N, C-alpha and C. Protein backbone atom coordinates (compact mmCIF):
# COMPACT_ATOMS: atom_id res chain seq x y z
N UNK A 1 72.46 -4.29 -47.43
CA UNK A 1 71.23 -4.34 -48.18
C UNK A 1 70.06 -4.40 -47.20
N UNK A 2 69.00 -3.67 -47.50
CA UNK A 2 67.86 -3.65 -46.59
C UNK A 2 66.98 -4.88 -46.80
N UNK A 3 66.14 -5.15 -45.83
CA UNK A 3 65.26 -6.34 -45.84
C UNK A 3 64.33 -6.36 -47.06
N UNK A 4 63.61 -5.27 -47.43
CA UNK A 4 62.73 -5.30 -48.61
C UNK A 4 63.50 -5.58 -49.90
N UNK A 5 64.74 -5.07 -49.99
CA UNK A 5 65.52 -5.33 -51.20
C UNK A 5 65.89 -6.80 -51.32
N UNK A 6 66.15 -7.46 -50.19
CA UNK A 6 66.46 -8.89 -50.22
C UNK A 6 65.26 -9.69 -50.73
N UNK A 7 64.08 -9.32 -50.25
CA UNK A 7 62.87 -10.03 -50.70
C UNK A 7 62.63 -9.81 -52.18
N UNK A 8 62.80 -8.57 -52.64
CA UNK A 8 62.60 -8.27 -54.05
C UNK A 8 63.60 -9.02 -54.92
N UNK A 9 64.85 -9.03 -54.46
CA UNK A 9 65.90 -9.72 -55.22
C UNK A 9 65.61 -11.23 -55.28
N UNK A 10 65.23 -11.80 -54.15
CA UNK A 10 64.92 -13.24 -54.10
C UNK A 10 63.71 -13.57 -54.97
N UNK A 11 62.69 -12.72 -54.93
CA UNK A 11 61.50 -12.92 -55.75
C UNK A 11 61.86 -12.86 -57.23
N UNK A 12 62.71 -11.93 -57.58
CA UNK A 12 63.16 -11.79 -58.96
C UNK A 12 63.92 -13.04 -59.41
N UNK A 13 64.76 -13.56 -58.54
CA UNK A 13 65.50 -14.79 -58.86
C UNK A 13 64.54 -15.96 -59.07
N UNK A 14 63.55 -16.06 -58.21
CA UNK A 14 62.58 -17.16 -58.33
C UNK A 14 61.77 -17.06 -59.62
N UNK A 15 61.41 -15.85 -59.99
CA UNK A 15 60.68 -15.64 -61.24
C UNK A 15 61.55 -16.04 -62.43
N UNK A 16 62.81 -15.67 -62.39
CA UNK A 16 63.73 -16.03 -63.48
C UNK A 16 63.88 -17.55 -63.58
N UNK A 17 64.03 -18.21 -62.44
CA UNK A 17 64.15 -19.67 -62.44
C UNK A 17 62.88 -20.33 -62.97
N UNK A 18 61.73 -19.80 -62.57
CA UNK A 18 60.47 -20.36 -63.04
C UNK A 18 60.32 -20.18 -64.55
N UNK A 19 60.71 -19.03 -65.06
CA UNK A 19 60.63 -18.78 -66.50
C UNK A 19 61.54 -19.72 -67.27
N UNK A 20 62.74 -19.95 -66.75
CA UNK A 20 63.67 -20.87 -67.40
C UNK A 20 63.11 -22.29 -67.41
N UNK A 21 62.54 -22.71 -66.29
CA UNK A 21 61.95 -24.05 -66.21
C UNK A 21 60.78 -24.18 -67.18
N UNK A 22 59.98 -23.13 -67.28
CA UNK A 22 58.84 -23.16 -68.21
C UNK A 22 59.31 -23.26 -69.65
N UNK A 23 60.34 -22.51 -70.00
CA UNK A 23 60.89 -22.58 -71.36
C UNK A 23 61.44 -23.96 -71.67
N UNK A 24 62.10 -24.58 -70.71
CA UNK A 24 62.61 -25.94 -70.92
C UNK A 24 61.47 -26.92 -71.12
N UNK A 25 60.40 -26.76 -70.36
CA UNK A 25 59.25 -27.65 -70.49
C UNK A 25 58.59 -27.48 -71.86
N UNK A 26 58.49 -26.26 -72.31
CA UNK A 26 57.90 -25.99 -73.63
C UNK A 26 58.75 -26.62 -74.73
N UNK A 27 60.06 -26.46 -74.63
CA UNK A 27 60.95 -27.05 -75.63
C UNK A 27 60.86 -28.58 -75.62
N UNK A 28 60.78 -29.17 -74.46
CA UNK A 28 60.69 -30.63 -74.35
C UNK A 28 59.35 -31.14 -74.87
N UNK A 29 58.30 -30.36 -74.71
CA UNK A 29 56.96 -30.79 -75.14
C UNK A 29 56.76 -30.68 -76.65
N UNK A 30 57.54 -29.84 -77.31
CA UNK A 30 57.37 -29.61 -78.74
C UNK A 30 57.32 -30.89 -79.57
N UNK A 31 58.33 -31.75 -79.50
CA UNK A 31 58.30 -32.99 -80.29
C UNK A 31 57.13 -33.91 -79.92
N UNK A 32 56.79 -33.93 -78.65
CA UNK A 32 55.67 -34.78 -78.21
C UNK A 32 54.36 -34.27 -78.81
N UNK A 33 54.19 -32.97 -78.82
CA UNK A 33 52.98 -32.38 -79.40
C UNK A 33 52.90 -32.67 -80.89
N UNK A 34 54.01 -32.53 -81.58
CA UNK A 34 54.02 -32.81 -83.02
C UNK A 34 53.67 -34.28 -83.30
N UNK A 35 54.22 -35.18 -82.51
CA UNK A 35 53.93 -36.60 -82.68
C UNK A 35 52.46 -36.88 -82.40
N UNK A 36 51.91 -36.24 -81.38
CA UNK A 36 50.50 -36.41 -81.04
C UNK A 36 49.60 -35.95 -82.19
N UNK A 37 49.99 -34.86 -82.85
CA UNK A 37 49.21 -34.37 -84.00
C UNK A 37 49.20 -35.40 -85.12
N UNK A 38 50.36 -36.00 -85.38
CA UNK A 38 50.46 -37.00 -86.44
C UNK A 38 49.60 -38.22 -86.10
N UNK A 39 49.72 -38.70 -84.87
CA UNK A 39 48.96 -39.88 -84.45
C UNK A 39 47.46 -39.59 -84.50
N UNK A 40 47.05 -38.42 -84.03
CA UNK A 40 45.63 -38.06 -84.05
C UNK A 40 45.11 -38.01 -85.48
N UNK A 41 45.90 -37.46 -86.38
CA UNK A 41 45.49 -37.40 -87.79
C UNK A 41 45.35 -38.79 -88.38
N UNK A 42 46.30 -39.67 -88.06
CA UNK A 42 46.24 -41.04 -88.55
C UNK A 42 45.00 -41.76 -88.03
N UNK A 43 44.73 -41.58 -86.75
CA UNK A 43 43.56 -42.24 -86.15
C UNK A 43 42.26 -41.71 -86.73
N UNK A 44 42.19 -40.42 -86.96
CA UNK A 44 40.99 -39.84 -87.55
C UNK A 44 40.77 -40.38 -88.95
N UNK A 45 41.86 -40.54 -89.69
CA UNK A 45 41.76 -41.08 -91.05
C UNK A 45 41.29 -42.52 -91.03
N UNK A 46 41.80 -43.31 -90.09
CA UNK A 46 41.40 -44.71 -89.98
C UNK A 46 39.96 -44.85 -89.51
N UNK A 47 39.49 -43.90 -88.70
CA UNK A 47 38.13 -43.97 -88.16
C UNK A 47 37.08 -43.60 -89.20
N UNK A 48 37.46 -42.87 -90.22
CA UNK A 48 36.51 -42.40 -91.23
C UNK A 48 35.58 -43.46 -91.79
N UNK A 49 36.09 -44.59 -92.29
CA UNK A 49 35.20 -45.61 -92.84
C UNK A 49 34.24 -46.19 -91.80
N UNK A 50 34.69 -46.30 -90.56
CA UNK A 50 33.82 -46.83 -89.51
C UNK A 50 32.70 -45.85 -89.20
N UNK A 51 33.00 -44.58 -89.23
CA UNK A 51 31.98 -43.56 -88.99
C UNK A 51 30.93 -43.62 -90.11
N UNK A 52 31.40 -43.73 -91.34
CA UNK A 52 30.47 -43.82 -92.47
C UNK A 52 29.58 -45.05 -92.35
N UNK A 53 30.18 -46.17 -92.01
CA UNK A 53 29.42 -47.41 -91.87
C UNK A 53 28.40 -47.29 -90.74
N UNK A 54 28.81 -46.72 -89.62
CA UNK A 54 27.91 -46.55 -88.47
C UNK A 54 26.74 -45.64 -88.82
N UNK A 55 26.99 -44.59 -89.58
CA UNK A 55 25.91 -43.69 -89.97
C UNK A 55 24.90 -44.41 -90.85
N UNK A 56 25.38 -45.26 -91.75
CA UNK A 56 24.47 -46.03 -92.60
C UNK A 56 23.63 -47.01 -91.80
N UNK A 57 24.27 -47.67 -90.86
CA UNK A 57 23.56 -48.63 -90.01
C UNK A 57 22.53 -47.89 -89.15
N UNK A 58 22.91 -46.75 -88.62
CA UNK A 58 21.98 -45.96 -87.79
C UNK A 58 20.79 -45.49 -88.62
N UNK A 59 21.04 -45.05 -89.84
CA UNK A 59 19.94 -44.60 -90.71
C UNK A 59 18.98 -45.76 -90.99
N UNK A 60 19.51 -46.94 -91.21
CA UNK A 60 18.66 -48.12 -91.42
C UNK A 60 17.84 -48.40 -90.16
N UNK A 61 18.47 -48.26 -89.00
CA UNK A 61 17.76 -48.47 -87.74
C UNK A 61 16.65 -47.47 -87.53
N UNK A 62 16.89 -46.23 -87.93
CA UNK A 62 15.86 -45.20 -87.83
C UNK A 62 14.68 -45.56 -88.72
N UNK A 63 14.97 -46.00 -89.92
CA UNK A 63 13.90 -46.37 -90.86
C UNK A 63 13.10 -47.56 -90.32
N UNK A 64 13.78 -48.54 -89.78
CA UNK A 64 13.09 -49.71 -89.21
C UNK A 64 12.23 -49.31 -88.03
N UNK A 65 12.76 -48.46 -87.17
CA UNK A 65 11.98 -48.00 -86.01
C UNK A 65 10.76 -47.21 -86.45
N UNK A 66 10.94 -46.38 -87.46
CA UNK A 66 9.81 -45.59 -87.97
C UNK A 66 8.72 -46.50 -88.52
N UNK A 67 9.12 -47.53 -89.24
CA UNK A 67 8.14 -48.47 -89.79
C UNK A 67 7.38 -49.19 -88.66
N UNK A 68 8.10 -49.59 -87.63
CA UNK A 68 7.47 -50.28 -86.50
C UNK A 68 6.52 -49.35 -85.74
N UNK A 69 6.94 -48.10 -85.55
CA UNK A 69 6.07 -47.13 -84.88
C UNK A 69 4.82 -46.87 -85.70
N UNK A 70 4.98 -46.74 -87.00
CA UNK A 70 3.83 -46.50 -87.87
C UNK A 70 2.87 -47.67 -87.80
N UNK A 71 3.43 -48.86 -87.80
CA UNK A 71 2.59 -50.07 -87.71
C UNK A 71 1.89 -50.12 -86.35
N UNK A 72 2.60 -49.82 -85.27
CA UNK A 72 2.02 -49.89 -83.93
C UNK A 72 0.91 -48.86 -83.73
N UNK A 73 1.01 -47.73 -84.42
CA UNK A 73 -0.02 -46.69 -84.27
C UNK A 73 -1.07 -46.77 -85.37
N UNK A 74 -1.04 -47.85 -86.13
CA UNK A 74 -2.00 -48.09 -87.23
C UNK A 74 -2.05 -46.93 -88.21
N UNK A 75 -0.93 -46.31 -88.46
CA UNK A 75 -0.85 -45.25 -89.45
C UNK A 75 -1.39 -43.91 -89.00
N UNK A 76 -1.79 -43.82 -87.74
CA UNK A 76 -2.40 -42.59 -87.23
C UNK A 76 -1.41 -41.42 -87.26
N UNK A 77 -0.13 -41.68 -87.08
CA UNK A 77 0.88 -40.63 -87.02
C UNK A 77 1.92 -40.76 -88.12
N UNK A 78 1.52 -41.30 -89.25
CA UNK A 78 2.44 -41.56 -90.35
C UNK A 78 3.23 -40.32 -90.75
N UNK A 79 2.55 -39.20 -90.92
CA UNK A 79 3.23 -37.98 -91.36
C UNK A 79 4.27 -37.52 -90.34
N UNK A 80 3.91 -37.53 -89.07
CA UNK A 80 4.82 -37.08 -88.03
C UNK A 80 6.02 -38.02 -87.92
N UNK A 81 5.76 -39.31 -87.94
CA UNK A 81 6.83 -40.30 -87.84
C UNK A 81 7.77 -40.17 -89.03
N UNK A 82 7.22 -40.03 -90.22
CA UNK A 82 8.05 -39.89 -91.42
C UNK A 82 8.88 -38.63 -91.37
N UNK A 83 8.29 -37.54 -90.90
CA UNK A 83 9.02 -36.27 -90.81
C UNK A 83 10.19 -36.38 -89.84
N UNK A 84 9.95 -36.94 -88.68
CA UNK A 84 11.01 -37.08 -87.69
C UNK A 84 12.10 -38.02 -88.20
N UNK A 85 11.70 -39.13 -88.80
CA UNK A 85 12.67 -40.08 -89.33
C UNK A 85 13.53 -39.43 -90.42
N UNK A 86 12.91 -38.64 -91.28
CA UNK A 86 13.66 -37.97 -92.34
C UNK A 86 14.66 -36.97 -91.76
N UNK A 87 14.26 -36.23 -90.73
CA UNK A 87 15.18 -35.27 -90.10
C UNK A 87 16.37 -35.97 -89.47
N UNK A 88 16.11 -37.09 -88.82
CA UNK A 88 17.21 -37.85 -88.21
C UNK A 88 18.14 -38.39 -89.29
N UNK A 89 17.57 -38.94 -90.34
CA UNK A 89 18.39 -39.49 -91.43
C UNK A 89 19.21 -38.38 -92.10
N UNK A 90 18.62 -37.21 -92.28
CA UNK A 90 19.36 -36.08 -92.87
C UNK A 90 20.52 -35.66 -91.97
N UNK A 91 20.28 -35.67 -90.68
CA UNK A 91 21.34 -35.32 -89.73
C UNK A 91 22.48 -36.34 -89.82
N UNK A 92 22.12 -37.61 -89.90
CA UNK A 92 23.15 -38.65 -90.01
C UNK A 92 23.94 -38.50 -91.31
N UNK A 93 23.28 -38.18 -92.38
CA UNK A 93 23.97 -37.99 -93.67
C UNK A 93 24.87 -36.78 -93.62
N UNK A 94 24.39 -35.69 -93.01
CA UNK A 94 25.19 -34.47 -92.92
C UNK A 94 26.44 -34.72 -92.08
N UNK A 95 26.29 -35.46 -90.99
CA UNK A 95 27.42 -35.74 -90.11
C UNK A 95 28.44 -36.65 -90.80
N UNK A 96 27.98 -37.42 -91.76
CA UNK A 96 28.86 -38.33 -92.50
C UNK A 96 29.82 -37.57 -93.40
N UNK A 97 29.40 -36.41 -93.87
CA UNK A 97 30.21 -35.62 -94.81
C UNK A 97 31.33 -35.00 -94.14
């Protein structure tokens, strides 16, 4: 057998071994991936009420900050402050859904 044929044959063997190892890794990872999906779904479900509560608290904080800013500026920027506060609150409500 010539030298180039030996290299080609050896390279082919290595590719075959690598493919077999990759297939074994994929098969072994399958159950772990499925379990991770279940756990992630459970955690997302449990986090839902906390996200809703946090959005409500944040919206209240936005309203309080807007009131304080309006008071500090003696009502000079009431319309702008109210507009920005409403946009933030709408974003928080939309993210809650």
